[in-house]
Amino acid sequence: MRTLQTMPQGIDVFEALATRHSTRGFLPDPVPRAAIETILAAAARAPSGSNIQPWRVRVTQGAEKGRLSAALRAAHDAGAAPAREYHYYPRQWREPYLSRRRRSGWALYELAGVARGDTAAGHAQRARNFDFFGAPVGLFFTIDRDLEQGSWLDFGMFLQSIMLAARGFGLHSCAQAAFCEHHDVVRAMLALPADQTLVCGMSLGFEDPAEPANRLRTERAPLADFVTFGPA
């Protein structure tokens, strides 16, 4: 079993950015509460408009997380219709976003051994989201329903800060919008307030180096595709 220091180790910010990736296979080794608290406290330094700090976090571990996983898997296997509270993806896909999505999805499925057209294997791979990919810690993020788009932008910076701070402990993470498809199950089992929207979930723990899906590294567009410099 791996052990974790209660204080983060030194890591360059560029190294943290380069080594963060969506991890889809974790070791069961526990993460001390002190480390989780340190990560969240560091991430809370993320900027927010007028310093309103719109984020709320619910941590789940152990038996509670196991019960939640079982309920989510049951909903998934029953074919429960997705019931998102907001649209994460565009209602109408177009380029270049459609091609990027397809390349990422097929690359993941190839590593996971899911053949094209194998709906049963695809269903099983997607179900792993609800087991937190084996991670010992699950985080759920909510935001007050009456807050506007600016606060959602703030929330994104908070989420990124958590994932980077986790690298300081040698931990990995996976931010998961899949949980939002069964927000009613998550809300009921974790007693989330009705006046808050579920933004996403996140798995946190030590990466399993034997998991094939963890070899996925998605490409990034070159600067020329999205940066315009004005006159010097």
C-alpha atoms as a PDB file:
ATOM      1  CA  MET A   1       0.000   0.000   0.000  1.00  0.00           C
ATOM      2  CA  ARG A   2       1.244   3.429  -0.869  1.00  0.00           C
ATOM      3  CA  THR A   3       1.561   6.005   1.884  1.00  0.00           C
ATOM      4  CA  LEU A   4       1.092   9.717   1.513  1.00  0.00           C
ATOM      5  CA  GLN A   5       2.801  12.551   3.302  1.00  0.00           C
ATOM      6  CA  THR A   6       0.419  14.927   5.057  1.00  0.00           C
ATOM      7  CA  MET A   7       2.165  17.854   3.404  1.00  0.00           C
ATOM      8  CA  PRO A   8       2.591  18.275  -0.366  1.00  0.00           C
ATOM      9  CA  GLN A   9       5.962  17.723  -2.005  1.00  0.00           C
ATOM     10  CA  GLY A  10       7.538  20.357  -4.193  1.00  0.00           C
ATOM     11  CA  ILE A  11       6.374  20.290  -7.807  1.00  0.00           C
ATOM     12  CA  ASP A  12       6.843  22.881 -10.507  1.00  0.00           C
ATOM     13  CA  VAL A  13       3.592  24.440 -11.721  1.00  0.00           C
ATOM     14  CA  PHE A  14       4.485  23.603 -15.326  1.00  0.00           C
ATOM     15  CA  GLU A  15       5.122  19.997 -14.328  1.00  0.00           C
ATOM     16  CA  ALA A  16       1.745  19.883 -12.591  1.00  0.00           C
ATOM     17  CA  LEU A  17       0.060  21.232 -15.724  1.00  0.00           C
ATOM     18  CA  ALA A  18       1.898  18.783 -17.977  1.00  0.00           C
ATOM     19  CA  THR A  19       1.265  15.694 -15.833  1.00  0.00           C
ATOM     20  CA  ARG A  20      -2.382  16.295 -14.967  1.00  0.00           C
ATOM     21  CA  HIS A  21      -4.652  14.090 -17.013  1.00  0.00           C
ATOM     22  CA  SER A  22      -8.047  12.434 -16.697  1.00  0.00           C
ATOM     23  CA  THR A  23      -7.174   9.276 -14.793  1.00  0.00           C
ATOM     24  CA  ARG A  24      -9.496   6.320 -15.348  1.00  0.00           C
ATOM     25  CA  GLY A  25      -7.967   3.723 -13.082  1.00  0.00           C
ATOM     26  CA  PHE A  26      -6.908   4.210  -9.464  1.00  0.00           C
ATOM     27  CA  LEU A  27      -5.259   2.170  -6.740  1.00  0.00           C
ATOM     28  CA  PRO A  28      -7.389   1.555  -3.626  1.00  0.00           C
ATOM     29  CA  ASP A  29      -4.788   3.120  -1.321  1.00  0.00           C
ATOM     30  CA  PRO A  30      -6.434   5.656   0.993  1.00  0.00           C
ATOM     31  CA  VAL A  31      -5.900   9.407   0.877  1.00  0.00           C
ATOM     32  CA  PRO A  32      -5.609  11.009   4.337  1.00  0.00           C
ATOM     33  CA  ARG A  33      -8.196  13.605   5.243  1.00  0.00           C
ATOM     34  CA  ALA A  34      -5.405  16.071   6.003  1.00  0.00           C
ATOM     35  CA  ALA A  35      -4.232  15.856   2.377  1.00  0.00           C
ATOM     36  CA  ILE A  36      -7.759  16.384   1.045  1.00  0.00           C
ATOM     37  CA  GLU A  37      -8.196  19.409   3.278  1.00  0.00           C
ATOM     38  CA  THR A  38      -4.845  20.862   2.207  1.00  0.00           C
ATOM     39  CA  ILE A  39      -5.734  20.439  -1.474  1.00  0.00           C
ATOM     40  CA  LEU A  40      -9.147  22.067  -1.075  1.00  0.00           C
ATOM     41  CA  ALA A  41      -7.775  24.927   1.018  1.00  0.00           C
ATOM     42  CA  ALA A  42      -5.112  25.643  -1.613  1.00  0.00           C
ATOM     43  CA  ALA A  43      -7.683  25.477  -4.421  1.00  0.00           C
ATOM     44  CA  ALA A  44      -9.903  27.940  -2.571  1.00  0.00           C
ATOM     45  CA  ARG A  45      -7.310  30.579  -3.456  1.00  0.00           C
ATOM     46  CA  ALA A  46      -8.714  30.411  -7.002  1.00  0.00           C
ATOM     47  CA  PRO A  47     -10.024  33.778  -8.211  1.00  0.00           C
ATOM     48  CA  SER A  48     -13.718  34.624  -8.218  1.00  0.00           C
ATOM     49  CA  GLY A  49     -15.568  37.775  -9.178  1.00  0.00           C
ATOM     50  CA  SER A  50     -15.782  40.119  -6.176  1.00  0.00           C
ATOM     51  CA  ASN A  51     -14.396  37.198  -4.125  1.00  0.00           C
ATOM     52  CA  ILE A  52     -17.835  35.582  -3.756  1.00  0.00           C
ATOM     53  CA  GLN A  53     -16.280  32.056  -3.840  1.00  0.00           C
ATOM     54  CA  PRO A  54     -19.301  30.244  -5.344  1.00  0.00           C
ATOM     55  CA  TRP A  55     -18.043  26.674  -4.866  1.00  0.00           C
ATOM     56  CA  ARG A  56     -19.389  24.024  -2.537  1.00  0.00           C
ATOM     57  CA  VAL A  57     -17.847  20.576  -2.116  1.00  0.00           C
ATOM     58  CA  ARG A  58     -19.196  17.293  -0.773  1.00  0.00           C
ATOM     59  CA  VAL A  59     -16.572  14.602  -0.048  1.00  0.00           C
ATOM     60  CA  THR A  60     -17.539  10.923  -0.043  1.00  0.00           C
ATOM     61  CA  GLN A  61     -15.445   7.892   0.901  1.00  0.00           C
ATOM     62  CA  GLY A  62     -15.710   4.382   2.269  1.00  0.00           C
ATOM     63  CA  ALA A  63     -19.063   2.683   2.768  1.00  0.00           C
ATOM     64  CA  GLU A  64     -21.064   5.752   1.784  1.00  0.00           C
ATOM     65  CA  LYS A  65     -19.231   5.966  -1.530  1.00  0.00           C
ATOM     66  CA  GLY A  66     -19.827   2.254  -2.073  1.00  0.00           C
ATOM     67  CA  ARG A  67     -23.572   2.629  -1.564  1.00  0.00           C
ATOM     68  CA  LEU A  68     -23.653   5.591  -3.925  1.00  0.00           C
ATOM     69  CA  SER A  69     -21.749   3.644  -6.582  1.00  0.00           C
ATOM     70  CA  ALA A  70     -24.191   0.750  -6.335  1.00  0.00           C
ATOM     71  CA  ALA A  71     -27.183   3.068  -6.749  1.00  0.00           C
ATOM     72  CA  LEU A  72     -25.611   4.891  -9.690  1.00  0.00           C
ATOM     73  CA  ARG A  73     -24.683   1.655 -11.426  1.00  0.00           C
ATOM     74  CA  ALA A  74     -28.241   0.380 -10.950  1.00  0.00           C
ATOM     75  CA  ALA A  75     -29.633   3.531 -12.572  1.00  0.00           C
ATOM     76  CA  HIS A  76     -27.110   3.237 -15.397  1.00  0.00           C
ATOM     77  CA  ASP A  77     -27.837  -0.449 -16.016  1.00  0.00           C
ATOM     78  CA  ALA A  78     -31.580   0.176 -15.930  1.00  0.00           C
ATOM     79  CA  GLY A  79     -31.168   2.589 -18.810  1.00  0.00           C
ATOM     80  CA  ALA A  80     -32.444   5.555 -16.836  1.00  0.00           C
ATOM     81  CA  ALA A  81     -32.710   8.555 -19.138  1.00  0.00           C
ATOM     82  CA  PRO A  82     -30.051  11.211 -18.495  1.00  0.00           C
ATOM     83  CA  ALA A  83     -31.510  14.043 -16.474  1.00  0.00           C
ATOM     84  CA  ARG A  84     -28.885  16.755 -16.534  1.00  0.00           C
ATOM     85  CA  GLU A  85     -29.740  20.065 -14.929  1.00  0.00           C
ATOM     86  CA  TYR A  86     -27.731  21.988 -17.515  1.00  0.00           C
ATOM     87  CA  HIS A  87     -26.241  21.460 -20.977  1.00  0.00           C
ATOM     88  CA  TYR A  88     -22.570  20.605 -20.755  1.00  0.00           C
ATOM     89  CA  TYR A  89     -22.039  20.007 -24.464  1.00  0.00           C
ATOM     90  CA  PRO A  90     -23.400  22.008 -27.427  1.00  0.00           C
ATOM     91  CA  ARG A  91     -26.882  21.064 -28.565  1.00  0.00           C
ATOM     92  CA  GLN A  92     -25.614  20.914 -32.144  1.00  0.00           C
ATOM     93  CA  TRP A  93     -22.094  19.597 -32.740  1.00  0.00           C
ATOM     94  CA  ARG A  94     -19.891  21.244 -35.383  1.00  0.00           C
ATOM     95  CA  GLU A  95     -16.236  21.387 -36.341  1.00  0.00           C
ATOM     96  CA  PRO A  96     -13.629  21.500 -34.984  1.00  0.00           C
ATOM     97  CA  TYR A  97     -15.281  20.308 -31.774  1.00  0.00           C
ATOM     98  CA  LEU A  98     -16.924  17.232 -33.258  1.00  0.00           C
ATOM     99  CA  SER A  99     -13.668  15.825 -34.633  1.00  0.00           C
ATOM    100  CA  ARG A 100     -11.828  16.497 -31.376  1.00  0.00           C
ATOM    101  CA  ARG A 101     -14.521  14.719 -29.418  1.00  0.00           C
ATOM    102  CA  ARG A 102     -14.486  11.713 -31.720  1.00  0.00           C
ATOM    103  CA  ARG A 103     -10.688  11.388 -31.683  1.00  0.00           C
ATOM    104  CA  SER A 104     -10.612  11.511 -27.899  1.00  0.00           C
ATOM    105  CA  GLY A 105     -13.461   9.034 -27.499  1.00  0.00           C
ATOM    106  CA  TRP A 106     -12.137   6.458 -29.936  1.00  0.00           C
ATOM    107  CA  ALA A 107      -8.604   6.722 -28.538  1.00  0.00           C
ATOM    108  CA  LEU A 108      -9.942   5.975 -25.056  1.00  0.00           C
ATOM    109  CA  TYR A 109     -12.084   3.073 -26.248  1.00  0.00           C
ATOM    110  CA  GLU A 110      -9.171   1.567 -28.168  1.00  0.00           C
ATOM    111  CA  LEU A 111      -6.986   1.580 -25.054  1.00  0.00           C
ATOM    112  CA  ALA A 112      -9.860   0.162 -22.981  1.00  0.00           C
ATOM    113  CA  GLY A 113     -10.442  -2.625 -25.496  1.00  0.00           C
ATOM    114  CA  VAL A 114     -13.882  -1.440 -26.594  1.00  0.00           C
ATOM    115  CA  ALA A 115     -14.472  -2.206 -30.273  1.00  0.00           C
ATOM    116  CA  ARG A 116     -16.538   0.111 -32.447  1.00  0.00           C
ATOM    117  CA  GLY A 117     -20.146  -0.960 -32.401  1.00  0.00           C
ATOM    118  CA  ASP A 118     -19.777  -3.004 -29.193  1.00  0.00           C
ATOM    119  CA  THR A 119     -22.545  -1.334 -27.219  1.00  0.00           C
ATOM    120  CA  ALA A 120     -22.286  -3.728 -24.268  1.00  0.00           C
ATOM    121  CA  ALA A 121     -18.579  -3.013 -23.791  1.00  0.00           C
ATOM    122  CA  GLY A 122     -19.212   0.714 -24.194  1.00  0.00           C
ATOM    123  CA  HIS A 123     -21.930   0.550 -21.559  1.00  0.00           C
ATOM    124  CA  ALA A 124     -19.578  -1.267 -19.173  1.00  0.00           C
ATOM    125  CA  GLN A 125     -16.761   1.208 -19.756  1.00  0.00           C
ATOM    126  CA  ARG A 126     -19.073   4.143 -19.078  1.00  0.00           C
ATOM    127  CA  ALA A 127     -20.317   2.453 -15.918  1.00  0.00           C
ATOM    128  CA  ARG A 128     -16.802   2.661 -14.479  1.00  0.00           C
ATOM    129  CA  ASN A 129     -17.448   6.369 -13.954  1.00  0.00           C
ATOM    130  CA  PHE A 130     -19.920   5.431 -11.247  1.00  0.00           C
ATOM    131  CA  ASP A 131     -17.326   3.304  -9.461  1.00  0.00           C
ATOM    132  CA  PHE A 132     -15.055   6.373  -9.408  1.00  0.00           C
ATOM    133  CA  PHE A 133     -12.641   4.275 -11.511  1.00  0.00           C
ATOM    134  CA  GLY A 134     -11.622   2.606  -8.252  1.00  0.00           C
ATOM    135  CA  ALA A 135     -10.551   5.848  -6.545  1.00  0.00           C
ATOM    136  CA  PRO A 136     -10.878   5.974  -2.736  1.00  0.00           C
ATOM    137  CA  VAL A 137     -12.191   9.564  -2.736  1.00  0.00           C
ATOM    138  CA  GLY A 138     -15.137  11.092  -4.558  1.00  0.00           C
ATOM    139  CA  LEU A 139     -15.782  14.827  -4.661  1.00  0.00           C
ATOM    140  CA  PHE A 140     -19.038  16.439  -5.728  1.00  0.00           C
ATOM    141  CA  PHE A 141     -19.340  20.095  -6.607  1.00  0.00           C
ATOM    142  CA  THR A 142     -22.463  22.215  -6.399  1.00  0.00           C
ATOM    143  CA  ILE A 143     -23.318  25.835  -7.037  1.00  0.00           C
ATOM    144  CA  ASP A 144     -26.259  27.947  -5.916  1.00  0.00           C
ATOM    145  CA  ARG A 145     -28.944  27.918  -8.598  1.00  0.00           C
ATOM    146  CA  ASP A 146     -29.366  31.679  -8.668  1.00  0.00           C
ATOM    147  CA  LEU A 147     -25.744  32.396  -9.584  1.00  0.00           C
ATOM    148  CA  GLU A 148     -24.906  33.392 -13.143  1.00  0.00           C
ATOM    149  CA  GLN A 149     -22.382  32.383 -15.830  1.00  0.00           C
ATOM    150  CA  GLY A 150     -19.557  34.375 -14.304  1.00  0.00           C
ATOM    151  CA  SER A 151     -19.703  32.245 -11.175  1.00  0.00           C
ATOM    152  CA  TRP A 152     -19.521  29.103 -13.323  1.00  0.00           C
ATOM    153  CA  LEU A 153     -16.319  30.490 -14.840  1.00  0.00           C
ATOM    154  CA  ASP A 154     -14.995  30.979 -11.310  1.00  0.00           C
ATOM    155  CA  PHE A 155     -15.957  27.389 -10.523  1.00  0.00           C
ATOM    156  CA  GLY A 156     -13.904  26.096 -13.441  1.00  0.00           C
ATOM    157  CA  MET A 157     -10.810  27.801 -12.072  1.00  0.00           C
ATOM    158  CA  PHE A 158     -11.481  26.224  -8.677  1.00  0.00           C
ATOM    159  CA  LEU A 159     -11.750  22.749 -10.223  1.00  0.00           C
ATOM    160  CA  GLN A 160      -8.492  23.172 -12.135  1.00  0.00           C
ATOM    161  CA  SER A 161      -6.811  24.373  -8.951  1.00  0.00           C
ATOM    162  CA  ILE A 162      -7.882  21.188  -7.143  1.00  0.00           C
ATOM    163  CA  MET A 163      -6.479  18.974  -9.895  1.00  0.00           C
ATOM    164  CA  LEU A 164      -3.157  20.836  -9.924  1.00  0.00           C
ATOM    165  CA  ALA A 165      -2.854  20.909  -6.141  1.00  0.00           C
ATOM    166  CA  ALA A 166      -3.452  17.142  -6.085  1.00  0.00           C
ATOM    167  CA  ARG A 167      -0.323  16.677  -8.188  1.00  0.00           C
ATOM    168  CA  GLY A 168       1.670  18.170  -5.319  1.00  0.00           C
ATOM    169  CA  PHE A 169       0.807  15.035  -3.336  1.00  0.00           C
ATOM    170  CA  GLY A 170       1.506  12.714  -6.259  1.00  0.00           C
ATOM    171  CA  LEU A 171      -2.242  12.209  -6.668  1.00  0.00           C
ATOM    172  CA  HIS A 172      -4.291  12.124  -9.842  1.00  0.00           C
ATOM    173  CA  SER A 173      -7.884  13.014 -10.591  1.00  0.00           C
ATOM    174  CA  CYS A 174     -10.702  12.760 -13.082  1.00  0.00           C
ATOM    175  CA  ALA A 175     -13.386  15.436 -13.356  1.00  0.00           C
ATOM    176  CA  GLN A 176     -16.615  13.697 -14.399  1.00  0.00           C
ATOM    177  CA  ALA A 177     -19.744  15.243 -15.851  1.00  0.00           C
ATOM    178  CA  ALA A 178     -21.200  11.712 -16.121  1.00  0.00           C
ATOM    179  CA  PHE A 179     -22.492  11.982 -12.558  1.00  0.00           C
ATOM    180  CA  CYS A 180     -24.766  14.828 -13.630  1.00  0.00           C
ATOM    181  CA  GLU A 181     -26.819  12.387 -15.711  1.00  0.00           C
ATOM    182  CA  HIS A 182     -28.052  10.885 -12.440  1.00  0.00           C
ATOM    183  CA  HIS A 183     -27.975  14.008 -10.296  1.00  0.00           C
ATOM    184  CA  ASP A 184     -31.199  12.908  -8.630  1.00  0.00           C
ATOM    185  CA  VAL A 185     -29.478   9.782  -7.253  1.00  0.00           C
ATOM    186  CA  VAL A 186     -26.453  11.770  -6.070  1.00  0.00           C
ATOM    187  CA  ARG A 187     -28.659  14.464  -4.558  1.00  0.00           C
ATOM    188  CA  ALA A 188     -30.803  11.992  -2.612  1.00  0.00           C
ATOM    189  CA  MET A 189     -27.970   9.857  -1.263  1.00  0.00           C
ATOM    190  CA  LEU A 190     -25.652  12.719  -0.303  1.00  0.00           C
ATOM    191  CA  ALA A 191     -28.432  15.030   0.905  1.00  0.00           C
ATOM    192  CA  LEU A 192     -27.448  17.851  -1.421  1.00  0.00           C
ATOM    193  CA  PRO A 193     -29.592  20.978  -0.937  1.00  0.00           C
ATOM    194  CA  ALA A 194     -32.345  21.506  -3.505  1.00  0.00           C
ATOM    195  CA  ASP A 195     -31.225  25.082  -4.135  1.00  0.00           C
ATOM    196  CA  GLN A 196     -27.863  23.909  -5.538  1.00  0.00           C
ATOM    197  CA  THR A 197     -27.022  22.554  -9.004  1.00  0.00           C
ATOM    198  CA  LEU A 198     -24.658  19.610  -9.331  1.00  0.00           C
ATOM    199  CA  VAL A 199     -21.747  20.886 -11.442  1.00  0.00           C
ATOM    200  CA  CYS A 200     -19.774  17.631 -11.677  1.00  0.00           C
ATOM    201  CA  GLY A 201     -18.049  14.935  -9.673  1.00  0.00           C
ATOM    202  CA  MET A 202     -14.370  14.093  -9.366  1.00  0.00           C
ATOM    203  CA  SER A 203     -12.397  10.957  -8.562  1.00  0.00           C
ATOM    204  CA  LEU A 204      -9.201  11.418  -6.547  1.00  0.00           C
ATOM    205  CA  GLY A 205      -6.445   9.013  -5.611  1.00  0.00           C
ATOM    206  CA  PHE A 206      -3.233   7.304  -6.705  1.00  0.00           C
ATOM    207  CA  GLU A 207      -3.035   6.382 -10.374  1.00  0.00           C
ATOM    208  CA  ASP A 208      -3.013   2.676 -11.243  1.00  0.00           C
ATOM    209  CA  PRO A 209      -0.069   2.324 -13.658  1.00  0.00           C
ATOM    210  CA  ALA A 210      -1.439  -1.010 -14.918  1.00  0.00           C
ATOM    211  CA  GLU A 211      -4.676   0.533 -16.238  1.00  0.00           C
ATOM    212  CA  PRO A 212      -4.442   0.763 -20.068  1.00  0.00           C
ATOM    213  CA  ALA A 213      -6.802   3.761 -20.232  1.00  0.00           C
ATOM    214  CA  ASN A 214      -4.306   5.786 -18.222  1.00  0.00           C
ATOM    215  CA  ARG A 215      -1.964   5.812 -21.200  1.00  0.00           C
ATOM    216  CA  LEU A 216      -4.315   8.187 -23.013  1.00  0.00           C
ATOM    217  CA  ARG A 217      -2.855  11.624 -23.659  1.00  0.00           C
ATOM    218  CA  THR A 218      -5.155  13.819 -25.678  1.00  0.00           C
ATOM    219  CA  GLU A 219      -3.654  16.207 -28.195  1.00  0.00           C
ATOM    220  CA  ARG A 220      -3.775  19.966 -27.876  1.00  0.00           C
ATOM    221  CA  ALA A 221      -4.204  22.447 -30.711  1.00  0.00           C
ATOM    222  CA  PRO A 222      -1.146  24.561 -31.583  1.00  0.00           C
ATOM    223  CA  LEU A 223      -1.147  28.184 -30.467  1.00  0.00           C
ATOM    224  CA  ALA A 224      -1.721  29.342 -34.024  1.00  0.00           C
ATOM    225  CA  ASP A 225      -5.160  27.740 -33.918  1.00  0.00           C
ATOM    226  CA  PHE A 226      -6.447  29.802 -31.015  1.00  0.00           C
ATOM    227  CA  VAL A 227      -4.092  32.743 -30.325  1.00  0.00           C
ATOM    228  CA  THR A 228      -3.957  36.062 -32.190  1.00  0.00           C
ATOM    229  CA  PHE A 229      -1.240  38.582 -31.377  1.00  0.00           C
ATOM    230  CA  GLY A 230      -1.818  42.237 -32.107  1.00  0.00           C
ATOM    231  CA  PRO A 231       0.914  44.594 -33.246  1.00  0.00           C
ATOM    232  CA  ALA A 232       3.925  44.848 -30.957  1.00  0.00           C
END
